[in-house]
């Protein structure tokens, strides 16, 4: 029976932590962007309503 040898590398812990921090920052920015997009859509709908109801 032959044995296969698998070689893999493990990045150092500091590099992994740096990646985790960067990923968390990106996720927070994406959440903020999603909230901002929702708010913009609400404001646009309000503007449309005002425009077509004669309130402007």
N, C-alpha and C. Protein backbone atom coordinates (compact mmCIF):
# COMPACT_ATOMS: atom_id res chain seq x y z
N UNK A 1 0.85 -1.17 0.00
CA UNK A 1 0.00 0.00 0.00
C UNK A 1 0.90 1.24 0.00
N UNK A 2 0.66 2.11 -0.96
CA UNK A 2 1.46 3.34 -1.00
C UNK A 2 0.72 4.45 -0.27
N UNK A 3 1.48 5.30 0.31
CA UNK A 3 0.91 6.43 1.05
C UNK A 3 1.11 7.71 0.25
N UNK A 4 0.07 8.49 0.18
CA UNK A 4 0.17 9.78 -0.49
C UNK A 4 0.62 10.82 0.53
N UNK A 5 1.46 11.69 0.11
CA UNK A 5 1.93 12.76 0.98
C UNK A 5 1.31 14.06 0.47
N UNK A 6 0.61 14.72 1.36
CA UNK A 6 -0.02 15.99 1.03
C UNK A 6 0.78 17.11 1.68
N UNK A 7 1.09 18.09 0.90
CA UNK A 7 1.81 19.24 1.41
C UNK A 7 0.90 20.46 1.28
N UNK A 8 0.77 21.18 2.34
CA UNK A 8 -0.02 22.40 2.30
C UNK A 8 0.63 23.42 3.21
N UNK A 9 0.35 24.66 2.92
CA UNK A 9 0.95 25.72 3.73
C UNK A 9 -0.13 26.37 4.57
N UNK A 10 0.29 26.83 5.70
CA UNK A 10 -0.61 27.55 6.60
C UNK A 10 -0.01 28.94 6.78
N UNK A 11 -0.78 29.95 6.40
CA UNK A 11 -0.29 31.31 6.56
C UNK A 11 -0.14 31.63 8.04
N UNK A 12 0.75 32.55 8.32
CA UNK A 12 0.97 32.87 9.72
C UNK A 12 -0.26 33.54 10.33
N UNK A 13 -0.34 33.48 11.63
CA UNK A 13 -1.52 33.95 12.35
C UNK A 13 -1.76 35.44 12.13
N UNK A 14 -0.70 36.24 12.11
CA UNK A 14 -0.85 37.68 11.92
C UNK A 14 -1.50 37.99 10.57
N UNK A 15 -1.11 37.27 9.55
CA UNK A 15 -1.70 37.47 8.22
C UNK A 15 -3.17 37.06 8.22
N UNK A 16 -3.49 35.99 8.91
CA UNK A 16 -4.89 35.56 9.00
C UNK A 16 -5.72 36.60 9.73
N UNK A 17 -5.18 37.16 10.80
CA UNK A 17 -5.90 38.19 11.55
C UNK A 17 -6.11 39.44 10.70
N UNK A 18 -5.11 39.80 9.92
CA UNK A 18 -5.22 40.96 9.03
C UNK A 18 -6.35 40.74 8.03
N UNK A 19 -6.45 39.53 7.51
CA UNK A 19 -7.52 39.20 6.57
C UNK A 19 -8.88 39.29 7.24
N UNK A 20 -8.98 38.77 8.47
CA UNK A 20 -10.26 38.81 9.20
C UNK A 20 -10.71 40.25 9.41
N UNK A 21 -9.78 41.11 9.80
CA UNK A 21 -10.12 42.52 10.02
C UNK A 21 -10.57 43.17 8.71
N UNK A 22 -9.84 42.92 7.64
CA UNK A 22 -10.21 43.50 6.34
C UNK A 22 -11.58 43.00 5.89
N UNK A 23 -11.84 41.71 6.06
CA UNK A 23 -13.13 41.15 5.65
C UNK A 23 -14.26 41.75 6.47
N UNK A 24 -14.04 41.95 7.77
CA UNK A 24 -15.07 42.55 8.63
C UNK A 24 -15.34 44.00 8.21
N UNK A 25 -14.30 44.74 7.88
CA UNK A 25 -14.48 46.12 7.43
C UNK A 25 -15.27 46.17 6.12
N UNK A 26 -14.97 45.28 5.22
CA UNK A 26 -15.69 45.24 3.95
C UNK A 26 -17.16 44.89 4.18
N UNK A 27 -17.41 43.93 5.06
CA UNK A 27 -18.79 43.56 5.34
C UNK A 27 -19.55 44.73 5.97
N UNK A 28 -18.92 45.46 6.88
CA UNK A 28 -19.56 46.62 7.49
C UNK A 28 -19.87 47.68 6.44
N UNK A 29 -18.95 47.91 5.52
CA UNK A 29 -19.18 48.87 4.45
C UNK A 29 -20.34 48.43 3.55
N UNK A 30 -20.41 47.14 3.29
CA UNK A 30 -21.51 46.63 2.46
C UNK A 30 -22.85 46.83 3.16
N UNK A 31 -22.89 46.60 4.48
CA UNK A 31 -24.13 46.80 5.23
C UNK A 31 -24.53 48.27 5.21
N UNK A 32 -23.56 49.16 5.40
CA UNK A 32 -23.84 50.59 5.35
C UNK A 32 -24.36 50.99 3.97
N UNK A 33 -23.77 50.45 2.94
CA UNK A 33 -24.20 50.75 1.57
C UNK A 33 -25.62 50.27 1.32
N UNK A 34 -25.94 49.10 1.84
CA UNK A 34 -27.30 48.55 1.69
C UNK A 34 -28.31 49.45 2.38
N UNK A 35 -27.98 49.90 3.60
CA UNK A 35 -28.89 50.81 4.31
C UNK A 35 -29.04 52.13 3.56
N UNK A 36 -27.93 52.66 3.05
CA UNK A 36 -27.98 53.93 2.32
C UNK A 36 -28.82 53.79 1.06
N UNK A 37 -28.67 52.68 0.37
CA UNK A 37 -29.45 52.44 -0.84
C UNK A 37 -30.94 52.39 -0.51
N UNK A 38 -31.28 51.72 0.58
CA UNK A 38 -32.68 51.66 1.00
C UNK A 38 -33.24 53.04 1.30
N UNK A 39 -32.44 53.86 1.97
CA UNK A 39 -32.88 55.22 2.30
C UNK A 39 -33.06 56.05 1.03
N UNK A 40 -32.16 55.92 0.09
CA UNK A 40 -32.28 56.65 -1.18
C UNK A 40 -33.55 56.24 -1.91
N UNK A 41 -33.85 54.94 -1.90
CA UNK A 41 -35.07 54.47 -2.56
C UNK A 41 -36.31 55.04 -1.87
N UNK A 42 -36.30 55.11 -0.53
CA UNK A 42 -37.43 55.69 0.19
C UNK A 42 -37.62 57.16 -0.19
N UNK A 43 -36.52 57.89 -0.23
CA UNK A 43 -36.60 59.31 -0.59
C UNK A 43 -37.08 59.51 -2.02
N UNK A 44 -36.62 58.66 -2.93
CA UNK A 44 -37.05 58.77 -4.32
C UNK A 44 -38.55 58.48 -4.44
N UNK A 45 -39.02 57.47 -3.73
CA UNK A 45 -40.45 57.15 -3.76
C UNK A 45 -41.26 58.32 -3.21
N UNK A 46 -40.76 58.95 -2.16
CA UNK A 46 -41.44 60.12 -1.60
C UNK A 46 -41.48 61.26 -2.61
N UNK A 47 -40.37 61.48 -3.29
CA UNK A 47 -40.31 62.52 -4.31
C UNK A 47 -41.29 62.25 -5.44
N UNK A 48 -41.34 60.99 -5.89
CA UNK A 48 -42.29 60.64 -6.95
C UNK A 48 -43.73 60.89 -6.50
N UNK A 49 -44.03 60.50 -5.28
CA UNK A 49 -45.38 60.69 -4.76
C UNK A 49 -45.74 62.18 -4.74
N UNK A 50 -44.81 62.99 -4.24
CA UNK A 50 -45.06 64.42 -4.19
C UNK A 50 -45.21 65.01 -5.59
N UNK A 51 -44.36 64.57 -6.51
CA UNK A 51 -44.39 65.12 -7.87
C UNK A 51 -45.72 64.82 -8.55
N UNK A 52 -46.22 63.61 -8.38
CA UNK A 52 -47.44 63.23 -9.10
C UNK A 52 -48.72 63.52 -8.33
N UNK A 53 -48.58 63.98 -7.08
CA UNK A 53 -49.78 64.37 -6.34
C UNK A 53 -49.93 65.89 -6.32
N UNK A 54 -48.99 66.58 -6.97
CA UNK A 54 -49.06 68.04 -7.05
C UNK A 54 -48.52 68.74 -5.82
N UNK A 55 -47.83 68.04 -4.96
CA UNK A 55 -47.32 68.65 -3.74
C UNK A 55 -46.02 69.42 -3.95
N UNK A 56 -45.44 69.31 -5.11
CA UNK A 56 -44.18 70.04 -5.36
C UNK A 56 -44.45 71.40 -5.94
